């Protein structure tokens, strides 16, 4: 459902990033490296102090979806 849901508000983006990273679990370092940014930027996203532009938000959401898909595949195939 996340793939079709637009993330237009700062509040929603920070919630999705914070909760997505917690549920996966996904480190700030891994997310930062995936997008070529600092861990401080990821922390600011999670706290709602800063957000990337709309296209980058979509890319982050797609990344979180791909990580979720991979985690679910690992669970269902017994490779987790």
N, C-alpha and C. Protein backbone atom coordinates (compact mmCIF):
# COMPACT_ATOMS: atom_id res chain seq x y z
N UNK A 1 0.81 -1.20 0.00
CA UNK A 1 0.00 0.00 0.00
C UNK A 1 0.85 1.26 0.00
N UNK A 2 2.03 1.21 0.60
CA UNK A 2 2.89 2.39 0.63
C UNK A 2 3.27 2.85 -0.77
N UNK A 3 3.40 1.94 -1.70
CA UNK A 3 3.85 2.31 -3.04
C UNK A 3 2.86 3.20 -3.76
N UNK A 4 1.59 3.12 -3.42
CA UNK A 4 0.59 3.94 -4.10
C UNK A 4 0.13 5.11 -3.26
N UNK A 5 0.63 5.23 -2.05
CA UNK A 5 0.21 6.31 -1.16
C UNK A 5 1.18 7.47 -1.26
N UNK A 6 0.70 8.64 -1.72
CA UNK A 6 1.61 9.78 -1.79
C UNK A 6 1.98 10.27 -0.39
N UNK A 7 3.22 10.62 -0.22
CA UNK A 7 3.68 11.15 1.05
C UNK A 7 3.85 12.65 0.85
N UNK A 8 2.80 13.41 1.12
CA UNK A 8 2.81 14.84 0.85
C UNK A 8 3.18 15.68 2.05
N UNK A 9 2.96 15.17 3.23
CA UNK A 9 3.18 15.98 4.41
C UNK A 9 4.42 15.54 5.16
N UNK A 10 5.11 16.51 5.69
CA UNK A 10 6.33 16.27 6.45
C UNK A 10 6.08 15.26 7.58
N UNK A 11 5.00 15.40 8.27
CA UNK A 11 4.66 14.51 9.39
C UNK A 11 4.59 13.06 8.93
N UNK A 12 3.95 12.82 7.82
CA UNK A 12 3.79 11.45 7.33
C UNK A 12 5.13 10.85 6.93
N UNK A 13 5.96 11.61 6.26
CA UNK A 13 7.25 11.09 5.82
C UNK A 13 8.09 10.69 7.01
N UNK A 14 8.19 11.53 8.00
CA UNK A 14 9.04 11.20 9.15
C UNK A 14 8.50 9.99 9.89
N UNK A 15 7.20 9.86 9.94
CA UNK A 15 6.60 8.69 10.60
C UNK A 15 6.94 7.41 9.84
N UNK A 16 6.80 7.43 8.53
CA UNK A 16 7.08 6.24 7.72
C UNK A 16 8.55 5.84 7.82
N UNK A 17 9.45 6.82 7.77
CA UNK A 17 10.88 6.52 7.86
C UNK A 17 11.21 5.97 9.25
N UNK A 18 10.75 6.65 10.27
CA UNK A 18 11.06 6.23 11.64
C UNK A 18 10.52 4.83 11.92
N UNK A 19 9.26 4.60 11.62
CA UNK A 19 8.64 3.31 11.92
C UNK A 19 9.16 2.21 10.99
N UNK A 20 9.39 2.56 9.72
CA UNK A 20 9.92 1.58 8.79
C UNK A 20 11.29 1.08 9.21
N UNK A 21 12.15 2.00 9.62
CA UNK A 21 13.49 1.61 10.07
C UNK A 21 13.42 0.77 11.34
N UNK A 22 12.51 1.10 12.21
CA UNK A 22 12.38 0.35 13.46
C UNK A 22 11.85 -1.06 13.21
N UNK A 23 10.90 -1.19 12.32
CA UNK A 23 10.29 -2.49 12.06
C UNK A 23 11.20 -3.44 11.28
N UNK A 24 12.05 -2.90 10.44
CA UNK A 24 12.82 -3.79 9.56
C UNK A 24 13.85 -4.67 10.26
N UNK A 25 14.66 -4.37 11.13
CA UNK A 25 15.25 -3.09 11.51
C UNK A 25 16.29 -2.65 10.47
N UNK A 26 16.37 -1.34 10.30
CA UNK A 26 17.27 -0.75 9.31
C UNK A 26 18.02 0.38 10.00
N UNK A 27 19.34 0.31 9.96
CA UNK A 27 20.14 1.33 10.67
C UNK A 27 20.15 2.65 9.91
N UNK A 28 20.38 3.72 10.66
CA UNK A 28 20.53 5.03 10.05
C UNK A 28 21.69 5.01 9.06
N UNK A 29 22.75 4.31 9.43
CA UNK A 29 23.94 4.24 8.58
C UNK A 29 23.61 3.59 7.24
N UNK A 30 22.88 2.50 7.26
CA UNK A 30 22.52 1.80 6.00
C UNK A 30 21.65 2.67 5.11
N UNK A 31 20.65 3.34 5.72
CA UNK A 31 19.78 4.22 4.95
C UNK A 31 20.57 5.40 4.39
N UNK A 32 21.44 5.97 5.20
CA UNK A 32 22.27 7.09 4.76
C UNK A 32 23.16 6.68 3.58
N UNK A 33 23.80 5.53 3.69
CA UNK A 33 24.67 5.06 2.61
C UNK A 33 23.89 4.79 1.33
N UNK A 34 22.68 4.29 1.46
CA UNK A 34 21.85 3.98 0.29
C UNK A 34 21.52 5.24 -0.51
N UNK A 35 21.50 6.38 0.16
CA UNK A 35 21.12 7.63 -0.52
C UNK A 35 22.25 8.66 -0.57
N UNK A 36 23.43 8.25 -0.12
CA UNK A 36 24.58 9.16 -0.19
C UNK A 36 24.44 10.39 0.67
N UNK A 37 23.85 10.21 1.84
CA UNK A 37 23.66 11.33 2.77
C UNK A 37 24.27 10.97 4.11
N UNK A 38 24.24 11.90 5.04
CA UNK A 38 24.80 11.66 6.36
C UNK A 38 23.77 11.01 7.28
N UNK A 39 24.29 10.36 8.31
CA UNK A 39 23.39 9.79 9.33
C UNK A 39 22.61 10.91 10.01
N UNK A 40 23.21 12.07 10.12
CA UNK A 40 22.53 13.22 10.73
C UNK A 40 21.28 13.58 9.93
N UNK A 41 21.38 13.52 8.60
CA UNK A 41 20.21 13.80 7.77
C UNK A 41 19.09 12.80 8.02
N UNK A 42 19.46 11.53 8.13
CA UNK A 42 18.46 10.49 8.41
C UNK A 42 17.81 10.76 9.77
N UNK A 43 18.60 11.10 10.77
CA UNK A 43 18.07 11.41 12.10
C UNK A 43 17.09 12.58 12.01
N UNK A 44 17.42 13.59 11.22
CA UNK A 44 16.53 14.75 11.06
C UNK A 44 15.23 14.35 10.38
N UNK A 45 15.32 13.44 9.40
CA UNK A 45 14.10 12.94 8.77
C UNK A 45 13.22 12.26 9.80
N UNK A 46 13.81 11.39 10.60
CA UNK A 46 13.05 10.63 11.59
C UNK A 46 12.40 11.53 12.64
N UNK A 47 13.05 12.63 12.97
CA UNK A 47 12.51 13.55 13.97
C UNK A 47 11.55 14.57 13.36
N UNK A 48 11.47 14.61 12.03
CA UNK A 48 10.58 15.55 11.37
C UNK A 48 11.15 16.94 11.23
N UNK A 49 12.45 17.10 11.46
CA UNK A 49 13.08 18.42 11.35
C UNK A 49 13.39 18.80 9.92
N UNK A 50 13.49 17.80 9.05
CA UNK A 50 13.88 18.03 7.67
C UNK A 50 13.27 16.94 6.82
N UNK A 51 12.99 17.25 5.57
CA UNK A 51 12.52 16.23 4.63
C UNK A 51 13.16 16.48 3.27
N UNK A 52 13.39 15.41 2.52
CA UNK A 52 13.89 15.61 1.16
C UNK A 52 12.75 16.06 0.25
N UNK A 53 13.08 16.46 -0.96
CA UNK A 53 12.05 16.86 -1.92
C UNK A 53 11.18 15.65 -2.27
N UNK A 54 10.07 15.90 -2.92
CA UNK A 54 9.05 14.87 -3.17
C UNK A 54 9.60 13.65 -3.91
N UNK A 55 10.41 13.86 -4.94
CA UNK A 55 10.95 12.72 -5.69
C UNK A 55 11.85 11.87 -4.81
N UNK A 56 12.68 12.49 -3.99
CA UNK A 56 13.54 11.73 -3.09
C UNK A 56 12.72 11.00 -2.03
N UNK A 57 11.63 11.61 -1.57
CA UNK A 57 10.76 10.93 -0.61
C UNK A 57 10.22 9.65 -1.23
N UNK A 58 9.80 9.71 -2.48
CA UNK A 58 9.29 8.51 -3.17
C UNK A 58 10.38 7.45 -3.26
N UNK A 59 11.62 7.87 -3.54
CA UNK A 59 12.72 6.91 -3.64
C UNK A 59 12.99 6.25 -2.29
N UNK A 60 12.90 7.01 -1.22
CA UNK A 60 13.10 6.45 0.12
C UNK A 60 11.99 5.44 0.43
N UNK A 61 10.77 5.79 0.10
CA UNK A 61 9.64 4.88 0.34
C UNK A 61 9.82 3.60 -0.47
N UNK A 62 10.24 3.73 -1.72
CA UNK A 62 10.48 2.54 -2.55
C UNK A 62 11.59 1.68 -1.95
N UNK A 63 12.62 2.31 -1.43
CA UNK A 63 13.71 1.57 -0.78
C UNK A 63 13.19 0.80 0.43
N UNK A 64 12.38 1.46 1.25
CA UNK A 64 11.81 0.79 2.43
C UNK A 64 10.90 -0.37 2.01
N UNK A 65 10.16 -0.19 0.94
CA UNK A 65 9.30 -1.27 0.44
C UNK A 65 10.15 -2.45 -0.04
N UNK A 66 11.23 -2.16 -0.75
CA UNK A 66 12.11 -3.23 -1.24
C UNK A 66 12.76 -3.98 -0.07
N UNK A 67 13.16 -3.25 0.96
CA UNK A 67 13.75 -3.87 2.15
C UNK A 67 12.72 -4.74 2.86
N UNK A 68 11.49 -4.28 2.91
CA UNK A 68 10.41 -5.06 3.53
C UNK A 68 10.15 -6.33 2.73
N UNK A 69 10.08 -6.19 1.40
CA UNK A 69 9.89 -7.36 0.54
C UNK A 69 10.99 -8.39 0.76
N UNK A 70 12.24 -7.93 0.82
CA UNK A 70 13.37 -8.84 1.02
C UNK A 70 13.29 -9.53 2.38
N UNK A 71 12.91 -8.80 3.40
CA UNK A 71 12.79 -9.39 4.73
C UNK A 71 11.68 -10.43 4.77
N UNK A 72 10.58 -10.15 4.11
CA UNK A 72 9.47 -11.12 4.07
C UNK A 72 9.84 -12.36 3.27
N UNK A 73 10.54 -12.18 2.16
CA UNK A 73 11.00 -13.34 1.37
C UNK A 73 11.94 -14.21 2.20
N UNK A 74 12.83 -13.56 2.94
CA UNK A 74 13.77 -14.32 3.79
C UNK A 74 13.01 -15.11 4.85
N UNK A 75 11.98 -14.53 5.41
CA UNK A 75 11.19 -15.23 6.43
C UNK A 75 10.44 -16.42 5.83
N UNK A 76 9.88 -16.23 4.64
CA UNK A 76 9.06 -17.29 4.05
C UNK A 76 9.90 -18.40 3.44
N UNK A 77 11.16 -18.11 3.12
CA UNK A 77 12.02 -19.14 2.54
C UNK A 77 12.94 -19.77 3.60
N UNK A 78 12.87 -19.23 4.81
CA UNK A 78 13.68 -19.78 5.88
C UNK A 78 15.14 -19.36 5.84
N UNK A 79 15.44 -18.27 5.15
CA UNK A 79 16.82 -17.80 5.08
C UNK A 79 17.09 -16.65 6.03
N UNK A 80 16.15 -16.37 6.89
CA UNK A 80 16.33 -15.24 7.83
C UNK A 80 17.18 -15.65 9.00
